[in-house]
Amino acid sequence: MASDRRAFLMRVSPEVLACVERLAGAELRSVNAQVEVLLREALSRRGMWRDERNPPPPEGSDRGDAGL
């Protein structure tokens, strides 16, 4: 079974990784899945990602991630 996913190396500060790990645990995801979710959300906010299955939250909504 071939996958259309690609692996890549990413360097990140320990502080950012710790935040992502906490968020992943709180949302019951792996760190890898959490990073992909965060990337998709950021791309959606910038108008670069269109995903009809997971629309971005309304503008100005408080999602509780302001500390990231």
Protein backbone atom coordinates (compact mmCIF):
# COMPACT_ATOMS: atom_id res chain seq x y z
CA MET A 1 0.00 0.00 0.00
CA ALA A 2 1.71 3.20 -1.19
CA SER A 3 1.25 6.40 0.76
CA ASP A 4 1.15 9.89 -0.70
CA ARG A 5 2.73 11.31 2.47
CA ARG A 6 6.34 12.49 2.59
CA ALA A 7 8.73 12.59 5.51
CA PHE A 8 10.96 15.56 6.20
CA LEU A 9 13.33 16.72 8.90
CA MET A 10 12.29 19.73 10.95
CA ARG A 11 14.36 21.55 13.52
CA VAL A 12 12.40 23.26 16.26
CA SER A 13 13.23 24.86 19.58
CA PRO A 14 12.62 22.77 22.71
CA GLU A 15 10.06 25.33 23.90
CA VAL A 16 7.98 25.08 20.73
CA LEU A 17 8.18 21.29 20.75
CA ALA A 18 7.06 21.19 24.40
CA CYS A 19 4.01 23.34 23.54
CA VAL A 20 3.13 21.11 20.58
CA GLU A 21 3.52 17.99 22.74
CA ARG A 22 1.18 19.44 25.40
CA LEU A 23 -1.38 20.44 22.79
CA ALA A 24 -1.16 17.03 21.09
CA GLY A 25 -1.76 15.30 24.42
CA ALA A 26 -4.71 17.53 25.22
CA GLU A 27 -6.25 16.86 21.80
CA LEU A 28 -5.40 13.13 21.84
CA ARG A 29 -3.16 13.29 18.77
CA SER A 30 0.38 12.26 18.00
CA VAL A 31 2.91 15.08 17.76
CA ASN A 32 3.17 14.42 14.02
CA ALA A 33 -0.60 14.70 13.54
CA GLN A 34 -0.69 17.83 15.70
CA VAL A 35 2.00 19.52 13.61
CA GLU A 36 0.02 18.74 10.45
CA VAL A 37 -3.16 20.18 11.99
CA LEU A 38 -1.33 23.35 13.03
CA LEU A 39 0.20 23.73 9.57
CA ARG A 40 -3.18 23.30 7.88
CA GLU A 41 -4.77 25.85 10.22
CA ALA A 42 -2.00 28.37 9.56
CA LEU A 43 -2.25 27.83 5.80
CA SER A 44 -6.04 28.23 5.95
CA ARG A 45 -5.73 31.54 7.78
CA ARG A 46 -3.37 32.76 5.06
CA GLY A 47 -5.71 31.63 2.29
CA MET A 48 -3.32 28.95 1.05
CA TRP A 49 -5.25 25.84 2.08
CA ARG A 50 -8.78 24.89 1.12
CA ASP A 51 -10.21 21.87 2.92
CA GLU A 52 -13.97 21.54 2.74
CA ARG A 53 -13.92 18.77 5.38
CA ASN A 54 -12.26 21.01 8.00
CA PRO A 55 -13.20 24.66 7.48
CA PRO A 56 -11.19 27.20 9.48
CA PRO A 57 -12.81 28.74 12.57
CA PRO A 58 -14.62 32.06 12.15
CA GLU A 59 -12.45 35.17 12.22
CA GLY A 60 -11.89 36.53 15.69
CA SER A 61 -12.94 33.33 17.44
CA ASP A 62 -11.08 32.59 20.69
CA ARG A 63 -9.43 29.20 20.24
CA GLY A 64 -7.24 29.36 23.29
CA ASP A 65 -3.95 29.05 21.39
CA ALA A 66 -2.78 32.66 21.71
CA GLY A 67 0.15 31.53 23.87
CA LEU A 68 1.74 29.45 21.10
